[in-house]
All heavy atoms as atom14 arrays in JSON, in Angstrom:
{
  "sequence": "MFRLWGKIFRQNRLLKDVVYENSDSNLNRTKKVYAGLTEICMGFDLQE",
  "atom14_mask": [
    [1, 1, 1, 1, 1, 1, 1, 1, 0, 0, 0, 0, 0, 0],
    [1, 1, 1, 1, 1, 1, 1, 1, 1, 1, 1, 0, 0, 0],
    [1, 1, 1, 1, 1, 1, 1, 1, 1, 1, 1, 0, 0, 0],
    [1, 1, 1, 1, 1, 1, 1, 1, 0, 0, 0, 0, 0, 0],
    [1, 1, 1, 1, 1, 1, 1, 1, 1, 1, 1, 1, 1, 1],
    [1, 1, 1, 1, 0, 0, 0, 0, 0, 0, 0, 0, 0, 0],
    [1, 1, 1, 1, 1, 1, 1, 1, 1, 0, 0, 0, 0, 0],
    [1, 1, 1, 1, 1, 1, 1, 1, 0, 0, 0, 0, 0, 0],
    [1, 1, 1, 1, 1, 1, 1, 1, 1, 1, 1, 0, 0, 0],
    [1, 1, 1, 1, 1, 1, 1, 1, 1, 1, 1, 0, 0, 0],
    [1, 1, 1, 1, 1, 1, 1, 1, 1, 0, 0, 0, 0, 0],
    [1, 1, 1, 1, 1, 1, 1, 1, 0, 0, 0, 0, 0, 0],
    [1, 1, 1, 1, 1, 1, 1, 1, 1, 1, 1, 0, 0, 0],
    [1, 1, 1, 1, 1, 1, 1, 1, 0, 0, 0, 0, 0, 0],
    [1, 1, 1, 1, 1, 1, 1, 1, 0, 0, 0, 0, 0, 0],
    [1, 1, 1, 1, 1, 1, 1, 1, 1, 0, 0, 0, 0, 0],
    [1, 1, 1, 1, 1, 1, 1, 1, 0, 0, 0, 0, 0, 0],
    [1, 1, 1, 1, 1, 1, 1, 0, 0, 0, 0, 0, 0, 0],
    [1, 1, 1, 1, 1, 1, 1, 0, 0, 0, 0, 0, 0, 0],
    [1, 1, 1, 1, 1, 1, 1, 1, 1, 1, 1, 1, 0, 0],
    [1, 1, 1, 1, 1, 1, 1, 1, 1, 0, 0, 0, 0, 0],
    [1, 1, 1, 1, 1, 1, 1, 1, 0, 0, 0, 0, 0, 0],
    [1, 1, 1, 1, 1, 1, 0, 0, 0, 0, 0, 0, 0, 0],
    [1, 1, 1, 1, 1, 1, 1, 1, 0, 0, 0, 0, 0, 0],
    [1, 1, 1, 1, 1, 1, 0, 0, 0, 0, 0, 0, 0, 0],
    [1, 1, 1, 1, 1, 1, 1, 1, 0, 0, 0, 0, 0, 0],
    [1, 1, 1, 1, 1, 1, 1, 1, 0, 0, 0, 0, 0, 0],
    [1, 1, 1, 1, 1, 1, 1, 1, 0, 0, 0, 0, 0, 0],
    [1, 1, 1, 1, 1, 1, 1, 1, 1, 1, 1, 0, 0, 0],
    [1, 1, 1, 1, 1, 1, 1, 0, 0, 0, 0, 0, 0, 0],
    [1, 1, 1, 1, 1, 1, 1, 1, 1, 0, 0, 0, 0, 0],
    [1, 1, 1, 1, 1, 1, 1, 1, 1, 0, 0, 0, 0, 0],
    [1, 1, 1, 1, 1, 1, 1, 0, 0, 0, 0, 0, 0, 0],
    [1, 1, 1, 1, 1, 1, 1, 1, 1, 1, 1, 1, 0, 0],
    [1, 1, 1, 1, 1, 0, 0, 0, 0, 0, 0, 0, 0, 0],
    [1, 1, 1, 1, 0, 0, 0, 0, 0, 0, 0, 0, 0, 0],
    [1, 1, 1, 1, 1, 1, 1, 1, 0, 0, 0, 0, 0, 0],
    [1, 1, 1, 1, 1, 1, 1, 0, 0, 0, 0, 0, 0, 0],
    [1, 1, 1, 1, 1, 1, 1, 1, 1, 0, 0, 0, 0, 0],
    [1, 1, 1, 1, 1, 1, 1, 1, 0, 0, 0, 0, 0, 0],
    [1, 1, 1, 1, 1, 1, 0, 0, 0, 0, 0, 0, 0, 0],
    [1, 1, 1, 1, 1, 1, 1, 1, 0, 0, 0, 0, 0, 0],
    [1, 1, 1, 1, 0, 0, 0, 0, 0, 0, 0, 0, 0, 0],
    [1, 1, 1, 1, 1, 1, 1, 1, 1, 1, 1, 0, 0, 0],
    [1, 1, 1, 1, 1, 1, 1, 1, 0, 0, 0, 0, 0, 0],
    [1, 1, 1, 1, 1, 1, 1, 1, 0, 0, 0, 0, 0, 0],
    [1, 1, 1, 1, 1, 1, 1, 1, 1, 0, 0, 0, 0, 0],
    [1, 1, 1, 1, 1, 1, 1, 1, 1, 0, 0, 0, 0, 0]
  ],
  "atom14_positions": [
    [[9.32, 29.31, -11.05], [8.49, 28.54, -10.25], [8.55, 27.11, -10.65], [8.45, 26.7, -11.74], [7.01, 29.16, -10.35], [6.04, 28.34, -9.59], [5.99, 28.56, -7.87], [5.45, 30.2, -7.77], [0.0, 0.0, 0.0], [0.0, 0.0, 0.0], [0.0, 0.0, 0.0], [0.0, 0.0, 0.0], [0.0, 0.0, 0.0], [0.0, 0.0, 0.0]],
    [[8.74, 26.32, -9.65], [8.68, 24.82, -9.75], [7.35, 24.32, -9.24], [6.82, 24.65, -8.15], [9.81, 24.22, -8.99], [9.77, 22.69, -8.97], [10.44, 22.07, -10.0], [9.2, 21.89, -8.01], [10.56, 20.59, -10.1], [9.2, 20.55, -8.09], [9.78, 19.87, -9.12], [0.0, 0.0, 0.0], [0.0, 0.0, 0.0], [0.0, 0.0, 0.0]],
    [[6.73, 23.56, -10.16], [5.38, 22.95, -9.73], [5.36, 21.39, -9.96], [5.82, 21.02, -11.0], [4.24, 23.69, -10.48], [4.14, 25.1, -10.07], [3.13, 25.89, -10.79], [2.3, 25.15, -11.67], [1.07, 25.59, -12.09], [0.53, 26.58, -11.69], [0.47, 24.79, -12.99], [0.0, 0.0, 0.0], [0.0, 0.0, 0.0], [0.0, 0.0, 0.0]],
    [[4.88, 20.68, -9.0], [4.83, 19.29, -9.01], [3.39, 18.86, -8.72], [2.79, 19.3, -7.81], [5.77, 18.63, -7.96], [5.87, 17.06, -8.01], [6.59, 16.69, -9.25], [6.61, 16.64, -6.74], [0.0, 0.0, 0.0], [0.0, 0.0, 0.0], [0.0, 0.0, 0.0], [0.0, 0.0, 0.0], [0.0, 0.0, 0.0], [0.0, 0.0, 0.0]],
    [[2.77, 18.14, -9.63], [1.29, 17.73, -9.55], [1.37, 16.25, -9.04], [1.91, 15.36, -9.57], [0.65, 17.82, -10.99], [-0.67, 17.62, -11.03], [-1.62, 17.65, -10.1], [-1.48, 17.49, -12.26], [-2.89, 17.52, -10.56], [-2.86, 17.39, -11.96], [-1.06, 17.37, -13.64], [-3.78, 17.26, -12.92], [-2.1, 17.23, -14.6], [-3.4, 17.1, -14.18]],
    [[0.54, 16.07, -7.93], [0.39, 14.78, -7.36], [-1.04, 14.37, -7.55], [-2.01, 15.05, -7.32], [0.0, 0.0, 0.0], [0.0, 0.0, 0.0], [0.0, 0.0, 0.0], [0.0, 0.0, 0.0], [0.0, 0.0, 0.0], [0.0, 0.0, 0.0], [0.0, 0.0, 0.0], [0.0, 0.0, 0.0], [0.0, 0.0, 0.0], [0.0, 0.0, 0.0]],
    [[-1.19, 13.13, -8.0], [-2.61, 12.64, -8.34], [-2.75, 11.25, -7.79], [-1.83, 10.44, -7.99], [-2.77, 12.62, -9.91], [-2.64, 13.95, -10.56], [-2.76, 13.79, -11.95], [-1.37, 13.59, -12.6], [-1.22, 13.66, -14.05], [0.0, 0.0, 0.0], [0.0, 0.0, 0.0], [0.0, 0.0, 0.0], [0.0, 0.0, 0.0], [0.0, 0.0, 0.0]],
    [[-3.94, 10.9, -7.19], [-4.2, 9.47, -6.87], [-5.32, 8.94, -7.7], [-6.29, 9.66, -7.96], [-4.71, 9.56, -5.31], [-3.52, 9.85, -4.39], [-5.31, 8.22, -5.0], [-3.86, 9.77, -3.03], [0.0, 0.0, 0.0], [0.0, 0.0, 0.0], [0.0, 0.0, 0.0], [0.0, 0.0, 0.0], [0.0, 0.0, 0.0], [0.0, 0.0, 0.0]],
    [[-5.13, 7.74, -8.23], [-6.06, 7.07, -9.12], [-6.47, 5.74, -8.56], [-5.72, 5.02, -7.99], [-5.35, 6.77, -10.47], [-5.15, 8.02, -11.32], [-3.95, 8.79, -11.18], [-6.02, 8.4, -12.28], [-3.67, 9.85, -12.07], [-5.7, 9.52, -13.12], [-4.6, 10.3, -12.85], [0.0, 0.0, 0.0], [0.0, 0.0, 0.0], [0.0, 0.0, 0.0]],
    [[-7.84, 5.5, -8.92], [-8.26, 4.15, -8.65], [-9.2, 3.76, -9.75], [-9.95, 4.55, -10.19], [-9.19, 4.03, -7.34], [-9.57, 2.66, -7.0], [-10.42, 2.38, -5.84], [-10.15, 3.4, -4.77], [-11.13, 3.98, -4.01], [-12.29, 3.56, -4.16], [-10.86, 4.71, -3.05], [0.0, 0.0, 0.0], [0.0, 0.0, 0.0], [0.0, 0.0, 0.0]],
    [[-8.96, 2.64, -10.43], [-9.62, 2.15, -11.56], [-9.68, 3.2, -12.69], [-10.69, 3.54, -13.28], [-11.0, 1.69, -11.12], [-11.04, 0.54, -10.31], [-12.43, 0.12, -9.78], [-13.46, 0.98, -10.06], [-12.56, -0.89, -9.19], [0.0, 0.0, 0.0], [0.0, 0.0, 0.0], [0.0, 0.0, 0.0], [0.0, 0.0, 0.0], [0.0, 0.0, 0.0]],
    [[-8.51, 3.76, -13.01], [-8.31, 4.76, -14.0], [-9.12, 6.09, -13.8], [-9.51, 6.8, -14.77], [-8.51, 4.12, -15.39], [-7.42, 3.23, -15.74], [-6.25, 3.48, -15.33], [-7.82, 2.24, -16.5], [0.0, 0.0, 0.0], [0.0, 0.0, 0.0], [0.0, 0.0, 0.0], [0.0, 0.0, 0.0], [0.0, 0.0, 0.0], [0.0, 0.0, 0.0]],
    [[-9.48, 6.26, -12.58], [-10.25, 7.53, -12.22], [-9.4, 8.38, -11.29], [-8.99, 7.84, -10.35], [-11.67, 7.27, -11.72], [-12.5, 6.54, -12.74], [-13.84, 6.46, -12.38], [-14.51, 5.81, -13.45], [-15.73, 5.57, -13.51], [-16.56, 6.02, -12.53], [-16.32, 4.95, -14.49], [0.0, 0.0, 0.0], [0.0, 0.0, 0.0], [0.0, 0.0, 0.0]],
    [[-9.37, 9.59, -11.54], [-8.71, 10.53, -10.59], [-9.51, 10.81, -9.3], [-10.73, 11.12, -9.42], [-8.49, 11.92, -11.33], [-7.83, 13.02, -10.45], [-6.31, 12.6, -10.17], [-7.84, 14.3, -11.25], [0.0, 0.0, 0.0], [0.0, 0.0, 0.0], [0.0, 0.0, 0.0], [0.0, 0.0, 0.0], [0.0, 0.0, 0.0], [0.0, 0.0, 0.0]],
    [[-9.01, 10.43, -8.22], [-9.74, 10.62, -6.96], [-9.32, 11.91, -6.18], [-10.25, 12.63, -5.73], [-9.4, 9.49, -5.95], [-9.73, 8.07, -6.35], [-9.31, 7.05, -5.28], [-11.21, 7.89, -6.65], [0.0, 0.0, 0.0], [0.0, 0.0, 0.0], [0.0, 0.0, 0.0], [0.0, 0.0, 0.0], [0.0, 0.0, 0.0], [0.0, 0.0, 0.0]],
    [[-8.08, 12.23, -6.18], [-7.53, 13.43, -5.59], [-6.29, 13.97, -6.29], [-5.58, 13.22, -6.99], [-7.07, 13.15, -4.15], [-8.09, 12.58, -3.25], [-7.42, 12.33, -1.82], [-8.3, 11.53, -0.91], [-7.59, 11.24, 0.33], [0.0, 0.0, 0.0], [0.0, 0.0, 0.0], [0.0, 0.0, 0.0], [0.0, 0.0, 0.0], [0.0, 0.0, 0.0]],
    [[-6.17, 15.26, -6.24], [-4.94, 15.81, -6.84], [-4.65, 17.1, -6.04], [-5.35, 17.68, -5.42], [-5.08, 16.1, -8.39], [-5.96, 17.22, -8.61], [-7.09, 17.45, -8.0], [-5.7, 17.98, -9.57], [0.0, 0.0, 0.0], [0.0, 0.0, 0.0], [0.0, 0.0, 0.0], [0.0, 0.0, 0.0], [0.0, 0.0, 0.0], [0.0, 0.0, 0.0]],
    [[-3.43, 17.43, -6.08], [-2.84, 18.58, -5.48], [-1.59, 19.01, -6.23], [-0.84, 18.26, -6.84], [-2.5, 18.37, -3.98], [-1.41, 17.45, -3.83], [-2.16, 19.57, -3.28], [0.0, 0.0, 0.0], [0.0, 0.0, 0.0], [0.0, 0.0, 0.0], [0.0, 0.0, 0.0], [0.0, 0.0, 0.0], [0.0, 0.0, 0.0], [0.0, 0.0, 0.0]],
    [[-1.29, 20.36, -6.23], [-0.13, 20.87, -6.9], [0.8, 21.45, -5.87], [0.31, 22.37, -5.05], [-0.55, 21.96, -8.06], [0.74, 22.6, -8.57], [-1.3, 21.3, -9.03], [0.0, 0.0, 0.0], [0.0, 0.0, 0.0], [0.0, 0.0, 0.0], [0.0, 0.0, 0.0], [0.0, 0.0, 0.0], [0.0, 0.0, 0.0], [0.0, 0.0, 0.0]],
    [[2.01, 21.04, -5.78], [3.03, 21.68, -4.95], [3.79, 22.69, -5.69], [4.25, 22.41, -6.77], [3.98, 20.49, -4.42], [5.23, 20.93, -3.82], [5.24, 21.45, -2.5], [6.37, 21.04, -4.5], [6.46, 21.88, -1.87], [7.63, 21.42, -3.98], [7.64, 21.97, -2.59], [8.75, 22.38, -2.06], [0.0, 0.0, 0.0], [0.0, 0.0, 0.0]],
    [[3.93, 23.86, -5.06], [4.74, 24.95, -5.73], [5.95, 25.34, -4.76], [5.85, 25.31, -3.48], [3.85, 26.11, -5.83], [2.71, 25.92, -6.84], [1.88, 27.22, -6.98], [2.07, 28.15, -6.23], [0.96, 27.19, -7.83], [0.0, 0.0, 0.0], [0.0, 0.0, 0.0], [0.0, 0.0, 0.0], [0.0, 0.0, 0.0], [0.0, 0.0, 0.0]],
    [[7.03, 25.71, -5.52], [8.24, 25.95, -4.81], [8.92, 27.11, -5.66], [9.31, 26.71, -6.81], [9.21, 24.83, -4.5], [10.4, 25.15, -3.66], [10.91, 26.2, -3.81], [10.69, 24.21, -2.78], [0.0, 0.0, 0.0], [0.0, 0.0, 0.0], [0.0, 0.0, 0.0], [0.0, 0.0, 0.0], [0.0, 0.0, 0.0], [0.0, 0.0, 0.0]],
    [[9.24, 28.2, -5.14], [9.95, 29.31, -5.84], [11.32, 29.59, -5.23], [11.92, 30.56, -5.58], [9.1, 30.47, -5.84], [8.86, 31.0, -4.51], [0.0, 0.0, 0.0], [0.0, 0.0, 0.0], [0.0, 0.0, 0.0], [0.0, 0.0, 0.0], [0.0, 0.0, 0.0], [0.0, 0.0, 0.0], [0.0, 0.0, 0.0], [0.0, 0.0, 0.0]],
    [[11.82, 28.66, -4.35], [13.17, 28.84, -3.8], [14.21, 28.48, -4.81], [14.39, 27.39, -5.18], [13.27, 27.98, -2.56], [14.56, 28.18, -1.82], [15.39, 29.02, -2.29], [14.69, 27.54, -0.77], [0.0, 0.0, 0.0], [0.0, 0.0, 0.0], [0.0, 0.0, 0.0], [0.0, 0.0, 0.0], [0.0, 0.0, 0.0], [0.0, 0.0, 0.0]],
    [[14.91, 29.54, -5.26], [15.93, 29.33, -6.34], [17.22, 28.76, -5.72], [18.1, 28.34, -6.55], [16.3, 30.62, -7.06], [16.65, 31.56, -6.22], [0.0, 0.0, 0.0], [0.0, 0.0, 0.0], [0.0, 0.0, 0.0], [0.0, 0.0, 0.0], [0.0, 0.0, 0.0], [0.0, 0.0, 0.0], [0.0, 0.0, 0.0], [0.0, 0.0, 0.0]],
    [[17.35, 28.6, -4.39], [18.5, 28.07, -3.84], [18.47, 26.53, -3.79], [19.51, 25.88, -3.64], [18.72, 28.62, -2.46], [18.98, 30.04, -2.4], [19.64, 30.62, -3.35], [18.48, 30.81, -1.37], [0.0, 0.0, 0.0], [0.0, 0.0, 0.0], [0.0, 0.0, 0.0], [0.0, 0.0, 0.0], [0.0, 0.0, 0.0], [0.0, 0.0, 0.0]],
    [[17.33, 26.02, -3.95], [17.19, 24.48, -4.0], [17.35, 23.9, -5.34], [16.96, 24.57, -6.38], [15.85, 24.05, -3.44], [15.52, 24.36, -2.0], [14.1, 23.88, -1.75], [16.49, 23.66, -1.04], [0.0, 0.0, 0.0], [0.0, 0.0, 0.0], [0.0, 0.0, 0.0], [0.0, 0.0, 0.0], [0.0, 0.0, 0.0], [0.0, 0.0, 0.0]],
    [[18.09, 22.77, -5.43], [18.24, 22.16, -6.85], [16.91, 21.42, -7.02], [16.09, 21.16, -6.29], [19.42, 21.28, -6.86], [19.45, 20.11, -5.96], [18.4, 19.64, -5.49], [20.63, 19.59, -5.6], [0.0, 0.0, 0.0], [0.0, 0.0, 0.0], [0.0, 0.0, 0.0], [0.0, 0.0, 0.0], [0.0, 0.0, 0.0], [0.0, 0.0, 0.0]],
    [[16.85, 20.89, -8.3], [15.66, 20.14, -8.75], [15.34, 18.95, -7.96], [14.2, 18.72, -7.62], [15.88, 19.74, -10.17], [14.67, 19.0, -10.84], [14.97, 18.8, -12.29], [13.7, 18.41, -12.97], [13.31, 17.19, -13.27], [14.14, 16.16, -12.87], [12.24, 16.89, -13.93], [0.0, 0.0, 0.0], [0.0, 0.0, 0.0], [0.0, 0.0, 0.0]],
    [[16.28, 18.17, -7.57], [16.25, 16.94, -6.79], [15.47, 17.27, -5.47], [14.63, 16.53, -4.97], [17.49, 16.19, -6.58], [17.97, 16.01, -7.86], [17.31, 14.95, -5.82], [0.0, 0.0, 0.0], [0.0, 0.0, 0.0], [0.0, 0.0, 0.0], [0.0, 0.0, 0.0], [0.0, 0.0, 0.0], [0.0, 0.0, 0.0], [0.0, 0.0, 0.0]],
    [[16.05, 18.25, -4.75], [15.51, 18.65, -3.45], [14.13, 19.18, -3.58], [13.25, 18.95, -2.65], [16.46, 19.69, -2.78], [17.71, 19.11, -2.29], [18.59, 20.12, -1.6], [19.78, 19.55, -1.17], [20.67, 20.4, -0.49], [0.0, 0.0, 0.0], [0.0, 0.0, 0.0], [0.0, 0.0, 0.0], [0.0, 0.0, 0.0], [0.0, 0.0, 0.0]],
    [[13.81, 19.82, -4.66], [12.32, 20.38, -4.89], [11.48, 19.11, -5.1], [10.35, 19.03, -4.58], [12.37, 21.21, -6.09], [13.02, 22.63, -5.77], [12.96, 23.47, -6.97], [13.59, 24.89, -6.66], [13.65, 25.73, -7.89], [0.0, 0.0, 0.0], [0.0, 0.0, 0.0], [0.0, 0.0, 0.0], [0.0, 0.0, 0.0], [0.0, 0.0, 0.0]],
    [[11.87, 18.21, -5.83], [11.09, 17.01, -6.09], [10.79, 16.22, -4.79], [9.66, 15.79, -4.52], [11.74, 16.03, -7.2], [11.03, 14.71, -7.28], [11.8, 16.63, -8.5], [0.0, 0.0, 0.0], [0.0, 0.0, 0.0], [0.0, 0.0, 0.0], [0.0, 0.0, 0.0], [0.0, 0.0, 0.0], [0.0, 0.0, 0.0], [0.0, 0.0, 0.0]],
    [[11.82, 16.07, -4.03], [11.65, 15.31, -2.78], [10.72, 16.08, -1.75], [9.92, 15.5, -1.08], [12.94, 14.94, -2.13], [13.71, 13.82, -2.64], [15.01, 13.93, -3.1], [12.99, 12.53, -2.77], [15.66, 12.81, -3.8], [13.69, 11.49, -3.5], [14.98, 11.62, -3.82], [15.7, 10.57, -4.57], [0.0, 0.0, 0.0], [0.0, 0.0, 0.0]],
    [[10.96, 17.4, -1.71], [10.08, 18.22, -0.88], [8.67, 18.24, -1.3], [7.75, 18.11, -0.55], [10.71, 19.68, -0.9], [0.0, 0.0, 0.0], [0.0, 0.0, 0.0], [0.0, 0.0, 0.0], [0.0, 0.0, 0.0], [0.0, 0.0, 0.0], [0.0, 0.0, 0.0], [0.0, 0.0, 0.0], [0.0, 0.0, 0.0], [0.0, 0.0, 0.0]],
    [[8.47, 18.27, -2.69], [7.19, 18.23, -3.18], [6.55, 16.9, -2.92], [5.3, 16.91, -2.48], [0.0, 0.0, 0.0], [0.0, 0.0, 0.0], [0.0, 0.0, 0.0], [0.0, 0.0, 0.0], [0.0, 0.0, 0.0], [0.0, 0.0, 0.0], [0.0, 0.0, 0.0], [0.0, 0.0, 0.0], [0.0, 0.0, 0.0], [0.0, 0.0, 0.0]],
    [[7.23, 15.76, -3.08], [6.59, 14.49, -2.73], [6.2, 14.34, -1.28], [5.1, 13.87, -0.98], [7.64, 13.26, -3.1], [7.08, 11.92, -2.91], [5.79, 11.68, -3.74], [8.16, 10.96, -3.34], [0.0, 0.0, 0.0], [0.0, 0.0, 0.0], [0.0, 0.0, 0.0], [0.0, 0.0, 0.0], [0.0, 0.0, 0.0], [0.0, 0.0, 0.0]],
    [[7.06, 14.88, -0.37], [6.72, 14.91, 1.05], [5.48, 15.71, 1.35], [4.58, 15.2, 2.0], [7.96, 15.52, 1.84], [9.06, 14.79, 1.62], [7.65, 15.64, 3.26], [0.0, 0.0, 0.0], [0.0, 0.0, 0.0], [0.0, 0.0, 0.0], [0.0, 0.0, 0.0], [0.0, 0.0, 0.0], [0.0, 0.0, 0.0], [0.0, 0.0, 0.0]],
    [[5.41, 16.99, 0.71], [4.2, 17.65, 0.97], [2.98, 17.08, 0.37], [1.84, 17.1, 0.85], [4.37, 19.05, 0.31], [5.39, 20.04, 0.97], [4.86, 20.33, 2.39], [3.64, 20.67, 2.53], [5.68, 20.33, 3.4], [0.0, 0.0, 0.0], [0.0, 0.0, 0.0], [0.0, 0.0, 0.0], [0.0, 0.0, 0.0], [0.0, 0.0, 0.0]],
    [[3.08, 16.56, -0.82], [1.92, 15.83, -1.45], [1.47, 14.69, -0.56], [0.23, 14.45, -0.34], [2.35, 15.4, -2.9], [2.41, 16.55, -3.78], [1.26, 14.39, -3.41], [3.15, 16.23, -5.07], [0.0, 0.0, 0.0], [0.0, 0.0, 0.0], [0.0, 0.0, 0.0], [0.0, 0.0, 0.0], [0.0, 0.0, 0.0], [0.0, 0.0, 0.0]],
    [[2.36, 13.91, -0.11], [2.0, 12.69, 0.77], [1.37, 13.26, 2.11], [0.4, 12.64, 2.62], [3.21, 11.93, 1.02], [3.74, 10.95, -0.33], [0.0, 0.0, 0.0], [0.0, 0.0, 0.0], [0.0, 0.0, 0.0], [0.0, 0.0, 0.0], [0.0, 0.0, 0.0], [0.0, 0.0, 0.0], [0.0, 0.0, 0.0], [0.0, 0.0, 0.0]],
    [[1.97, 14.32, 2.53], [1.3, 14.86, 3.86], [-0.17, 15.29, 3.62], [-1.1, 15.04, 4.34], [2.11, 15.97, 4.47], [3.39, 15.55, 5.08], [4.45, 16.84, 5.71], [3.3, 17.9, 6.47], [0.0, 0.0, 0.0], [0.0, 0.0, 0.0], [0.0, 0.0, 0.0], [0.0, 0.0, 0.0], [0.0, 0.0, 0.0], [0.0, 0.0, 0.0]],
    [[-0.38, 15.83, 2.42], [-1.71, 16.41, 2.07], [-2.74, 15.25, 1.86], [-3.84, 15.38, 2.18], [0.0, 0.0, 0.0], [0.0, 0.0, 0.0], [0.0, 0.0, 0.0], [0.0, 0.0, 0.0], [0.0, 0.0, 0.0], [0.0, 0.0, 0.0], [0.0, 0.0, 0.0], [0.0, 0.0, 0.0], [0.0, 0.0, 0.0], [0.0, 0.0, 0.0]],
    [[-2.23, 14.13, 1.37], [-2.97, 12.97, 1.21], [-3.09, 11.98, 2.31], [-3.7, 11.01, 2.27], [-2.58, 12.14, -0.08], [-2.74, 12.89, -1.45], [-1.87, 12.57, -2.49], [-3.89, 13.64, -1.63], [-2.06, 13.13, -3.63], [-3.94, 14.31, -2.89], [-3.13, 14.08, -3.9], [0.0, 0.0, 0.0], [0.0, 0.0, 0.0], [0.0, 0.0, 0.0]],
    [[-2.29, 12.36, 3.39], [-2.22, 11.47, 4.56], [-1.64, 10.14, 4.17], [-2.27, 9.14, 4.62], [-3.53, 11.45, 5.31], [-3.39, 10.77, 6.74], [-2.36, 11.03, 7.25], [-4.36, 10.23, 7.2], [0.0, 0.0, 0.0], [0.0, 0.0, 0.0], [0.0, 0.0, 0.0], [0.0, 0.0, 0.0], [0.0, 0.0, 0.0], [0.0, 0.0, 0.0]],
    [[-0.6, 10.14, 3.47], [0.18, 8.84, 3.11], [1.52, 8.88, 3.65], [2.16, 9.91, 3.84], [0.23, 8.78, 1.56], [-0.95, 8.58, 0.68], [-0.51, 8.78, -0.7], [-1.53, 7.25, 0.95], [0.0, 0.0, 0.0], [0.0, 0.0, 0.0], [0.0, 0.0, 0.0], [0.0, 0.0, 0.0], [0.0, 0.0, 0.0], [0.0, 0.0, 0.0]],
    [[2.04, 7.62, 3.75], [3.44, 7.52, 4.02], [4.16, 7.85, 2.67], [3.54, 7.75, 1.62], [3.81, 6.08, 4.52], [3.69, 5.03, 3.42], [4.27, 3.74, 3.66], [4.1, 3.33, 4.89], [4.83, 3.07, 2.89], [0.0, 0.0, 0.0], [0.0, 0.0, 0.0], [0.0, 0.0, 0.0], [0.0, 0.0, 0.0], [0.0, 0.0, 0.0]],
    [[5.36, 8.27, 2.79], [6.14, 8.46, 1.51], [6.56, 7.13, 0.83], [6.94, 6.23, 1.53], [7.43, 9.2, 1.84], [7.13, 10.75, 2.11], [8.47, 11.48, 2.15], [9.23, 11.49, 1.31], [8.62, 12.24, 3.22], [0.0, 0.0, 0.0], [0.0, 0.0, 0.0], [0.0, 0.0, 0.0], [0.0, 0.0, 0.0], [0.0, 0.0, 0.0]]
  ]
}
């Protein structure tokens, strides 16, 4: 299982966080990181 933790901070305080999980063994690490960042940004309603 690959897990990427996304966190948003303001003034050293955690405002929001989310964990992206991917168990697809066919994807390499780089693709999992980019897919995770995309999902995290979508969840936070941010541009990448």
